[in-house]
């Protein structure tokens, strides 16, 4: 069987972002077992990922994004020809119109597979990066769908949007590997009641809506509220227990939680 070569154009450094880990990286071993050669190019490197959502650090952010664009242009103009398929997770670049996707899927006519797990066509910009809102080009999602060879959507709602622009859509829910990794249990009957959430710095803002509820619960019940993230939240909660997210301790940290948000 001829080996297939696939280039994954990913937004984040490996082993960090939840969506990328569960929707892309988790499948790399399986692809390799099936004679598929996996290559990756990430837009941000590890340093760029760390500073992108911090307040300030404007010049560092500019350098990180500029370096990402240089890598994408190199891949688009000189690398994509070597591969049977090009997989784009969410978007090829975080800012600007879908130039790279247009070149790969429409101009070069390469087999581009587009994967997304959020309603990324709906405008949403973090508090730390409001100035970038005008350059996000949320409208580009529909065009990436049009130029794609196949589309993998995280659920039916996303698939319905994609099918308006391309009939070749498959629903692939975000999943975890319960055979080799997420397969241990904790004895929750003996633990202090706990509520918990895990996610990235870009989505922690959504927890603010539930803080008033937790504050009321604190007056009635004795419990812990765990937040597992790569950024410490600024919540006024007596029950708050922050755990810095680390891949090698992720499973044991999650086992502290009785009730997940």
C-alpha atoms as a PDB file:
ATOM      1  CA  UNK A   1       0.000   0.000   0.000  1.00  0.00           C
ATOM      2  CA  UNK A   2       1.357   3.399  -0.966  1.00  0.00           C
ATOM      3  CA  UNK A   3       2.057   5.632   1.994  1.00  0.00           C
ATOM      4  CA  UNK A   4      -0.179   8.701   2.132  1.00  0.00           C
ATOM      5  CA  UNK A   5       1.392  11.929   3.316  1.00  0.00           C
ATOM      6  CA  UNK A   6      -0.685  14.461   5.255  1.00  0.00           C
ATOM      7  CA  UNK A   7       0.294  17.958   6.353  1.00  0.00           C
ATOM      8  CA  UNK A   8      -1.577  19.340   9.348  1.00  0.00           C
ATOM      9  CA  UNK A   9      -1.686  23.142   9.471  1.00  0.00           C
ATOM     10  CA  UNK A  10      -2.367  23.726  13.156  1.00  0.00           C
ATOM     11  CA  UNK A  11      -2.914  26.978  15.071  1.00  0.00           C
ATOM     12  CA  UNK A  12      -1.187  26.091  18.351  1.00  0.00           C
ATOM     13  CA  UNK A  13       1.995  24.361  19.536  1.00  0.00           C
ATOM     14  CA  UNK A  14       1.554  20.637  20.104  1.00  0.00           C
ATOM     15  CA  UNK A  15       0.348  19.246  23.454  1.00  0.00           C
ATOM     16  CA  UNK A  16      -1.341  22.461  24.609  1.00  0.00           C
ATOM     17  CA  UNK A  17      -4.718  23.492  23.179  1.00  0.00           C
ATOM     18  CA  UNK A  18      -7.706  21.247  24.047  1.00  0.00           C
ATOM     19  CA  UNK A  19      -9.453  21.255  20.657  1.00  0.00           C
ATOM     20  CA  UNK A  20      -6.248  20.549  18.784  1.00  0.00           C
ATOM     21  CA  UNK A  21      -5.161  17.811  21.202  1.00  0.00           C
ATOM     22  CA  UNK A  22      -8.462  15.936  21.082  1.00  0.00           C
ATOM     23  CA  UNK A  23      -9.446  16.508  17.450  1.00  0.00           C
ATOM     24  CA  UNK A  24      -6.054  16.346  15.726  1.00  0.00           C
ATOM     25  CA  UNK A  25      -3.168  15.095  17.827  1.00  0.00           C
ATOM     26  CA  UNK A  26      -5.099  12.191  19.365  1.00  0.00           C
ATOM     27  CA  UNK A  27      -5.464  10.629  15.916  1.00  0.00           C
ATOM     28  CA  UNK A  28      -1.805  10.826  14.897  1.00  0.00           C
ATOM     29  CA  UNK A  29      -0.894   7.347  16.267  1.00  0.00           C
ATOM     30  CA  UNK A  30      -3.898   5.773  14.529  1.00  0.00           C
ATOM     31  CA  UNK A  31      -3.031   7.439  11.224  1.00  0.00           C
ATOM     32  CA  UNK A  32       0.551   6.230  11.445  1.00  0.00           C
ATOM     33  CA  UNK A  33      -0.654   2.685  12.139  1.00  0.00           C
ATOM     34  CA  UNK A  34      -2.618   2.867   8.885  1.00  0.00           C
ATOM     35  CA  UNK A  35       0.354   3.779   6.729  1.00  0.00           C
ATOM     36  CA  UNK A  36      -0.336   7.522   6.761  1.00  0.00           C
ATOM     37  CA  UNK A  37       2.672   9.777   7.200  1.00  0.00           C
ATOM     38  CA  UNK A  38       1.863  12.715   9.503  1.00  0.00           C
ATOM     39  CA  UNK A  39       3.592  16.081   9.306  1.00  0.00           C
ATOM     40  CA  UNK A  40       2.649  19.205  11.257  1.00  0.00           C
ATOM     41  CA  UNK A  41       3.242  22.911  11.040  1.00  0.00           C
ATOM     42  CA  UNK A  42       1.992  25.085  13.898  1.00  0.00           C
ATOM     43  CA  UNK A  43       1.242  28.783  13.443  1.00  0.00           C
ATOM     44  CA  UNK A  44       2.351  29.696  16.977  1.00  0.00           C
ATOM     45  CA  UNK A  45       5.363  28.293  18.757  1.00  0.00           C
ATOM     46  CA  UNK A  46       5.415  27.618  22.506  1.00  0.00           C
ATOM     47  CA  UNK A  47       6.577  31.144  23.411  1.00  0.00           C
ATOM     48  CA  UNK A  48       3.988  32.781  21.184  1.00  0.00           C
ATOM     49  CA  UNK A  49       1.230  30.669  22.747  1.00  0.00           C
ATOM     50  CA  UNK A  50       2.258  31.759  26.257  1.00  0.00           C
ATOM     51  CA  UNK A  51       2.175  35.504  25.585  1.00  0.00           C
ATOM     52  CA  UNK A  52      -0.684  35.805  23.079  1.00  0.00           C
ATOM     53  CA  UNK A  53      -3.443  36.086  25.698  1.00  0.00           C
ATOM     54  CA  UNK A  54      -1.488  38.132  28.233  1.00  0.00           C
ATOM     55  CA  UNK A  55      -2.126  41.816  28.781  1.00  0.00           C
ATOM     56  CA  UNK A  56       0.436  43.981  27.053  1.00  0.00           C
ATOM     57  CA  UNK A  57       3.475  42.371  25.356  1.00  0.00           C
ATOM     58  CA  UNK A  58       2.428  44.028  22.081  1.00  0.00           C
ATOM     59  CA  UNK A  59       5.762  43.697  20.298  1.00  0.00           C
ATOM     60  CA  UNK A  60       6.185  40.098  21.382  1.00  0.00           C
ATOM     61  CA  UNK A  61       2.720  39.300  20.053  1.00  0.00           C
ATOM     62  CA  UNK A  62       3.510  41.015  16.748  1.00  0.00           C
ATOM     63  CA  UNK A  63       6.735  39.026  16.390  1.00  0.00           C
ATOM     64  CA  UNK A  64       4.981  35.755  17.215  1.00  0.00           C
ATOM     65  CA  UNK A  65       2.198  36.373  14.699  1.00  0.00           C
ATOM     66  CA  UNK A  66       4.643  37.592  12.024  1.00  0.00           C
ATOM     67  CA  UNK A  67       6.707  34.424  12.437  1.00  0.00           C
ATOM     68  CA  UNK A  68       3.535  32.385  12.035  1.00  0.00           C
ATOM     69  CA  UNK A  69       2.673  34.107   8.773  1.00  0.00           C
ATOM     70  CA  UNK A  70       6.179  33.495   7.424  1.00  0.00           C
ATOM     71  CA  UNK A  71       5.804  29.769   8.159  1.00  0.00           C
ATOM     72  CA  UNK A  72       2.375  29.657   6.529  1.00  0.00           C
ATOM     73  CA  UNK A  73       3.588  31.362   3.358  1.00  0.00           C
ATOM     74  CA  UNK A  74       6.487  28.906   3.159  1.00  0.00           C
ATOM     75  CA  UNK A  75       4.138  25.953   3.561  1.00  0.00           C
ATOM     76  CA  UNK A  76       1.574  27.313   1.089  1.00  0.00           C
ATOM     77  CA  UNK A  77       4.053  28.131  -1.648  1.00  0.00           C
ATOM     78  CA  UNK A  78       6.630  25.374  -1.274  1.00  0.00           C
ATOM     79  CA  UNK A  79       5.438  22.489   0.934  1.00  0.00           C
ATOM     80  CA  UNK A  80       1.833  21.597   0.095  1.00  0.00           C
ATOM     81  CA  UNK A  81       2.858  19.973  -3.198  1.00  0.00           C
ATOM     82  CA  UNK A  82       4.562  17.164  -1.298  1.00  0.00           C
ATOM     83  CA  UNK A  83       1.380  15.976   0.427  1.00  0.00           C
ATOM     84  CA  UNK A  84      -1.700  14.005  -0.567  1.00  0.00           C
ATOM     85  CA  UNK A  85      -3.911  15.908   1.859  1.00  0.00           C
ATOM     86  CA  UNK A  86      -3.713  19.211   3.730  1.00  0.00           C
ATOM     87  CA  UNK A  87      -5.667  19.367   7.014  1.00  0.00           C
ATOM     88  CA  UNK A  88      -6.584  22.808   8.354  1.00  0.00           C
ATOM     89  CA  UNK A  89      -7.793  22.891  11.955  1.00  0.00           C
ATOM     90  CA  UNK A  90     -10.053  25.935  12.550  1.00  0.00           C
ATOM     91  CA  UNK A  91      -8.081  28.305  10.275  1.00  0.00           C
ATOM     92  CA  UNK A  92      -4.696  28.561   8.636  1.00  0.00           C
ATOM     93  CA  UNK A  93      -4.005  31.963  10.231  1.00  0.00           C
ATOM     94  CA  UNK A  94      -5.687  33.749  13.168  1.00  0.00           C
ATOM     95  CA  UNK A  95      -5.832  37.127  11.410  1.00  0.00           C
ATOM     96  CA  UNK A  96      -6.767  38.316   7.964  1.00  0.00           C
ATOM     97  CA  UNK A  97      -8.771  36.840   5.103  1.00  0.00           C
ATOM     98  CA  UNK A  98      -8.456  33.140   4.146  1.00  0.00           C
ATOM     99  CA  UNK A  99      -5.619  33.682   1.690  1.00  0.00           C
ATOM    100  CA  UNK A 100      -3.773  30.466   2.510  1.00  0.00           C
ATOM    101  CA  UNK A 101      -6.907  28.347   2.259  1.00  0.00           C
ATOM    102  CA  UNK A 102      -7.795  29.962  -1.077  1.00  0.00           C
ATOM    103  CA  UNK A 103      -4.368  29.248  -2.520  1.00  0.00           C
ATOM    104  CA  UNK A 104      -4.307  25.656  -1.261  1.00  0.00           C
ATOM    105  CA  UNK A 105      -7.888  24.638  -2.024  1.00  0.00           C
ATOM    106  CA  UNK A 106      -8.959  26.871  -4.880  1.00  0.00           C
ATOM    107  CA  UNK A 107      -5.811  27.979  -6.716  1.00  0.00           C
ATOM    108  CA  UNK A 108      -3.555  24.951  -6.250  1.00  0.00           C
ATOM    109  CA  UNK A 109      -6.542  22.549  -6.129  1.00  0.00           C
ATOM    110  CA  UNK A 110      -4.998  20.492  -3.356  1.00  0.00           C
ATOM    111  CA  UNK A 111      -7.197  18.160  -1.279  1.00  0.00           C
ATOM    112  CA  UNK A 112      -7.800  20.339   1.761  1.00  0.00           C
ATOM    113  CA  UNK A 113      -9.676  18.916   4.742  1.00  0.00           C
ATOM    114  CA  UNK A 114     -11.182  21.517   7.057  1.00  0.00           C
ATOM    115  CA  UNK A 115     -11.883  20.679  10.702  1.00  0.00           C
ATOM    116  CA  UNK A 116     -13.677  22.900  13.211  1.00  0.00           C
ATOM    117  CA  UNK A 117     -15.395  22.348  16.555  1.00  0.00           C
ATOM    118  CA  UNK A 118     -16.817  25.770  17.427  1.00  0.00           C
ATOM    119  CA  UNK A 119     -19.120  28.317  15.784  1.00  0.00           C
ATOM    120  CA  UNK A 120     -16.054  30.233  14.637  1.00  0.00           C
ATOM    121  CA  UNK A 121     -18.026  32.322  12.127  1.00  0.00           C
ATOM    122  CA  UNK A 122     -19.643  34.166  15.068  1.00  0.00           C
ATOM    123  CA  UNK A 123     -17.527  37.169  16.202  1.00  0.00           C
ATOM    124  CA  UNK A 124     -15.730  36.591  19.529  1.00  0.00           C
ATOM    125  CA  UNK A 125     -12.535  38.326  20.645  1.00  0.00           C
ATOM    126  CA  UNK A 126     -10.769  38.056  24.002  1.00  0.00           C
ATOM    127  CA  UNK A 127     -10.493  41.087  26.276  1.00  0.00           C
ATOM    128  CA  UNK A 128      -6.712  41.073  25.861  1.00  0.00           C
ATOM    129  CA  UNK A 129      -6.881  41.357  22.075  1.00  0.00           C
ATOM    130  CA  UNK A 130      -9.735  43.759  21.316  1.00  0.00           C
ATOM    131  CA  UNK A 131      -7.556  45.700  18.865  1.00  0.00           C
ATOM    132  CA  UNK A 132      -7.309  42.599  16.692  1.00  0.00           C
ATOM    133  CA  UNK A 133     -11.090  42.248  16.331  1.00  0.00           C
ATOM    134  CA  UNK A 134     -11.230  44.124  13.031  1.00  0.00           C
ATOM    135  CA  UNK A 135      -8.676  41.764  11.495  1.00  0.00           C
ATOM    136  CA  UNK A 136     -10.201  38.451  12.595  1.00  0.00           C
ATOM    137  CA  UNK A 137     -12.401  38.127   9.484  1.00  0.00           C
ATOM    138  CA  UNK A 138     -14.993  35.830  11.026  1.00  0.00           C
ATOM    139  CA  UNK A 139     -16.772  35.708   7.667  1.00  0.00           C
ATOM    140  CA  UNK A 140     -14.000  33.553   6.220  1.00  0.00           C
ATOM    141  CA  UNK A 141     -15.343  30.273   7.633  1.00  0.00           C
ATOM    142  CA  UNK A 142     -17.927  29.883   4.872  1.00  0.00           C
ATOM    143  CA  UNK A 143     -15.272  30.406   2.195  1.00  0.00           C
ATOM    144  CA  UNK A 144     -12.955  27.848   3.740  1.00  0.00           C
ATOM    145  CA  UNK A 145     -15.883  25.436   3.616  1.00  0.00           C
ATOM    146  CA  UNK A 146     -16.428  26.196  -0.091  1.00  0.00           C
ATOM    147  CA  UNK A 147     -12.813  25.505  -1.014  1.00  0.00           C
ATOM    148  CA  UNK A 148     -12.435  22.320   1.042  1.00  0.00           C
ATOM    149  CA  UNK A 149     -12.291  18.774  -0.305  1.00  0.00           C
ATOM    150  CA  UNK A 150     -13.907  17.414   2.878  1.00  0.00           C
ATOM    151  CA  UNK A 151     -15.125  18.985   6.123  1.00  0.00           C
ATOM    152  CA  UNK A 152     -15.093  17.491   9.629  1.00  0.00           C
ATOM    153  CA  UNK A 153     -17.534  19.244  11.970  1.00  0.00           C
ATOM    154  CA  UNK A 154     -17.698  18.678  15.708  1.00  0.00           C
ATOM    155  CA  UNK A 155     -21.513  18.394  15.881  1.00  0.00           C
ATOM    156  CA  UNK A 156     -24.697  18.637  13.831  1.00  0.00           C
ATOM    157  CA  UNK A 157     -25.110  22.378  14.377  1.00  0.00           C
ATOM    158  CA  UNK A 158     -21.686  23.067  12.884  1.00  0.00           C
ATOM    159  CA  UNK A 159     -22.304  20.529  10.123  1.00  0.00           C
ATOM    160  CA  UNK A 160     -25.536  22.300   9.120  1.00  0.00           C
ATOM    161  CA  UNK A 161     -23.609  25.545   8.672  1.00  0.00           C
ATOM    162  CA  UNK A 162     -20.905  23.814   6.626  1.00  0.00           C
ATOM    163  CA  UNK A 163     -23.444  22.049   4.373  1.00  0.00           C
ATOM    164  CA  UNK A 164     -24.797  25.402   3.240  1.00  0.00           C
ATOM    165  CA  UNK A 165     -21.495  25.838   1.436  1.00  0.00           C
ATOM    166  CA  UNK A 166     -20.225  22.300   0.767  1.00  0.00           C
ATOM    167  CA  UNK A 167     -22.046  18.926   0.630  1.00  0.00           C
ATOM    168  CA  UNK A 168     -18.995  16.892   1.662  1.00  0.00           C
ATOM    169  CA  UNK A 169     -19.419  17.234   5.421  1.00  0.00           C
ATOM    170  CA  UNK A 170     -18.900  14.602   8.118  1.00  0.00           C
ATOM    171  CA  UNK A 171     -19.710  14.885  11.812  1.00  0.00           C
ATOM    172  CA  UNK A 172     -16.783  13.802  13.985  1.00  0.00           C
ATOM    173  CA  UNK A 173     -17.508  14.543  17.651  1.00  0.00           C
ATOM    174  CA  UNK A 174     -14.610  15.545  19.860  1.00  0.00           C
ATOM    175  CA  UNK A 175     -13.538  12.399  21.699  1.00  0.00           C
ATOM    176  CA  UNK A 176     -10.997  11.097  24.189  1.00  0.00           C
ATOM    177  CA  UNK A 177      -8.934   7.905  24.239  1.00  0.00           C
ATOM    178  CA  UNK A 178     -10.467   5.724  26.957  1.00  0.00           C
ATOM    179  CA  UNK A 179      -8.343   2.712  26.009  1.00  0.00           C
ATOM    180  CA  UNK A 180      -4.909   4.125  26.721  1.00  0.00           C
ATOM    181  CA  UNK A 181      -5.315   7.387  28.629  1.00  0.00           C
ATOM    182  CA  UNK A 182      -8.634   8.438  30.168  1.00  0.00           C
ATOM    183  CA  UNK A 183      -9.498   5.157  31.863  1.00  0.00           C
ATOM    184  CA  UNK A 184      -8.964   5.533  35.617  1.00  0.00           C
ATOM    185  CA  UNK A 185     -11.545   6.339  38.295  1.00  0.00           C
ATOM    186  CA  UNK A 186     -11.570   8.055  41.680  1.00  0.00           C
ATOM    187  CA  UNK A 187     -13.603   7.067  44.729  1.00  0.00           C
ATOM    188  CA  UNK A 188     -15.943  10.040  44.825  1.00  0.00           C
ATOM    189  CA  UNK A 189     -17.887   8.664  47.785  1.00  0.00           C
ATOM    190  CA  UNK A 190     -15.014   9.431  50.156  1.00  0.00           C
ATOM    191  CA  UNK A 191     -14.080  12.834  48.747  1.00  0.00           C
ATOM    192  CA  UNK A 192     -15.234  16.253  49.814  1.00  0.00           C
ATOM    193  CA  UNK A 193     -17.856  17.444  47.284  1.00  0.00           C
ATOM    194  CA  UNK A 194     -16.208  19.314  44.452  1.00  0.00           C
ATOM    195  CA  UNK A 195     -17.235  21.167  41.322  1.00  0.00           C
ATOM    196  CA  UNK A 196     -14.741  21.729  38.557  1.00  0.00           C
ATOM    197  CA  UNK A 197     -13.916  23.097  35.139  1.00  0.00           C
ATOM    198  CA  UNK A 198     -10.985  22.658  32.805  1.00  0.00           C
ATOM    199  CA  UNK A 199     -10.153  24.625  29.707  1.00  0.00           C
ATOM    200  CA  UNK A 200      -7.757  27.122  28.159  1.00  0.00           C
ATOM    201  CA  UNK A 201      -7.084  30.787  28.871  1.00  0.00           C
ATOM    202  CA  UNK A 202      -9.177  31.782  25.860  1.00  0.00           C
ATOM    203  CA  UNK A 203     -12.388  30.255  27.263  1.00  0.00           C
ATOM    204  CA  UNK A 204     -12.037  30.920  30.984  1.00  0.00           C
ATOM    205  CA  UNK A 205     -14.065  34.127  30.506  1.00  0.00           C
ATOM    206  CA  UNK A 206     -17.229  32.014  30.183  1.00  0.00           C
ATOM    207  CA  UNK A 207     -16.938  30.976  33.830  1.00  0.00           C
ATOM    208  CA  UNK A 208     -17.749  34.511  34.979  1.00  0.00           C
ATOM    209  CA  UNK A 209     -21.458  33.897  34.400  1.00  0.00           C
ATOM    210  CA  UNK A 210     -21.575  31.149  37.029  1.00  0.00           C
ATOM    211  CA  UNK A 211     -19.509  32.858  39.752  1.00  0.00           C
ATOM    212  CA  UNK A 212     -22.599  34.472  41.413  1.00  0.00           C
ATOM    213  CA  UNK A 213     -24.217  31.014  41.633  1.00  0.00           C
ATOM    214  CA  UNK A 214     -21.122  29.543  43.262  1.00  0.00           C
ATOM    215  CA  UNK A 215     -20.992  32.441  45.715  1.00  0.00           C
ATOM    216  CA  UNK A 216     -24.552  31.611  46.814  1.00  0.00           C
ATOM    217  CA  UNK A 217     -23.737  27.907  47.104  1.00  0.00           C
ATOM    218  CA  UNK A 218     -20.774  28.718  49.335  1.00  0.00           C
ATOM    219  CA  UNK A 219     -23.165  30.146  51.926  1.00  0.00           C
ATOM    220  CA  UNK A 220     -25.019  26.831  52.139  1.00  0.00           C
ATOM    221  CA  UNK A 221     -22.551  24.030  51.336  1.00  0.00           C
ATOM    222  CA  UNK A 222     -18.931  23.169  52.005  1.00  0.00           C
ATOM    223  CA  UNK A 223     -17.303  22.263  48.687  1.00  0.00           C
ATOM    224  CA  UNK A 224     -14.264  22.949  46.537  1.00  0.00           C
ATOM    225  CA  UNK A 225     -14.367  24.590  43.127  1.00  0.00           C
ATOM    226  CA  UNK A 226     -11.490  23.409  40.956  1.00  0.00           C
ATOM    227  CA  UNK A 227     -10.265  25.337  37.943  1.00  0.00           C
ATOM    228  CA  UNK A 228      -7.689  23.484  35.853  1.00  0.00           C
ATOM    229  CA  UNK A 229      -6.233  25.907  33.325  1.00  0.00           C
ATOM    230  CA  UNK A 230      -2.995  27.468  32.119  1.00  0.00           C
ATOM    231  CA  UNK A 231      -4.129  30.814  33.559  1.00  0.00           C
ATOM    232  CA  UNK A 232      -5.215  31.526  37.136  1.00  0.00           C
ATOM    233  CA  UNK A 233      -8.721  33.017  37.334  1.00  0.00           C
ATOM    234  CA  UNK A 234      -9.421  36.224  39.274  1.00  0.00           C
ATOM    235  CA  UNK A 235     -12.606  34.991  40.958  1.00  0.00           C
ATOM    236  CA  UNK A 236     -13.751  36.086  44.416  1.00  0.00           C
ATOM    237  CA  UNK A 237     -14.527  32.597  45.685  1.00  0.00           C
ATOM    238  CA  UNK A 238     -13.529  31.030  48.989  1.00  0.00           C
ATOM    239  CA  UNK A 239     -13.960  27.588  47.473  1.00  0.00           C
ATOM    240  CA  UNK A 240     -11.588  28.205  44.559  1.00  0.00           C
ATOM    241  CA  UNK A 241      -8.734  25.756  44.080  1.00  0.00           C
ATOM    242  CA  UNK A 242      -6.573  26.522  41.064  1.00  0.00           C
ATOM    243  CA  UNK A 243      -4.487  23.814  39.421  1.00  0.00           C
ATOM    244  CA  UNK A 244      -2.123  24.777  36.631  1.00  0.00           C
ATOM    245  CA  UNK A 245      -2.854  22.571  33.631  1.00  0.00           C
ATOM    246  CA  UNK A 246      -0.080  20.141  32.753  1.00  0.00           C
ATOM    247  CA  UNK A 247      -0.393  17.288  30.305  1.00  0.00           C
ATOM    248  CA  UNK A 248       1.462  14.787  32.485  1.00  0.00           C
ATOM    249  CA  UNK A 249      -0.795  15.414  35.536  1.00  0.00           C
ATOM    250  CA  UNK A 250      -4.041  16.127  33.691  1.00  0.00           C
ATOM    251  CA  UNK A 251      -5.785  12.843  34.481  1.00  0.00           C
ATOM    252  CA  UNK A 252      -4.991  12.851  38.202  1.00  0.00           C
ATOM    253  CA  UNK A 253      -6.038  16.498  38.433  1.00  0.00           C
ATOM    254  CA  UNK A 254      -9.371  15.800  36.761  1.00  0.00           C
ATOM    255  CA  UNK A 255     -10.090  13.023  39.268  1.00  0.00           C
ATOM    256  CA  UNK A 256     -10.436  15.699  41.976  1.00  0.00           C
ATOM    257  CA  UNK A 257     -13.748  16.774  40.393  1.00  0.00           C
ATOM    258  CA  UNK A 258     -17.107  15.223  41.322  1.00  0.00           C
ATOM    259  CA  UNK A 259     -19.282  17.545  39.215  1.00  0.00           C
ATOM    260  CA  UNK A 260     -17.981  18.945  35.946  1.00  0.00           C
ATOM    261  CA  UNK A 261     -19.057  22.247  34.395  1.00  0.00           C
END
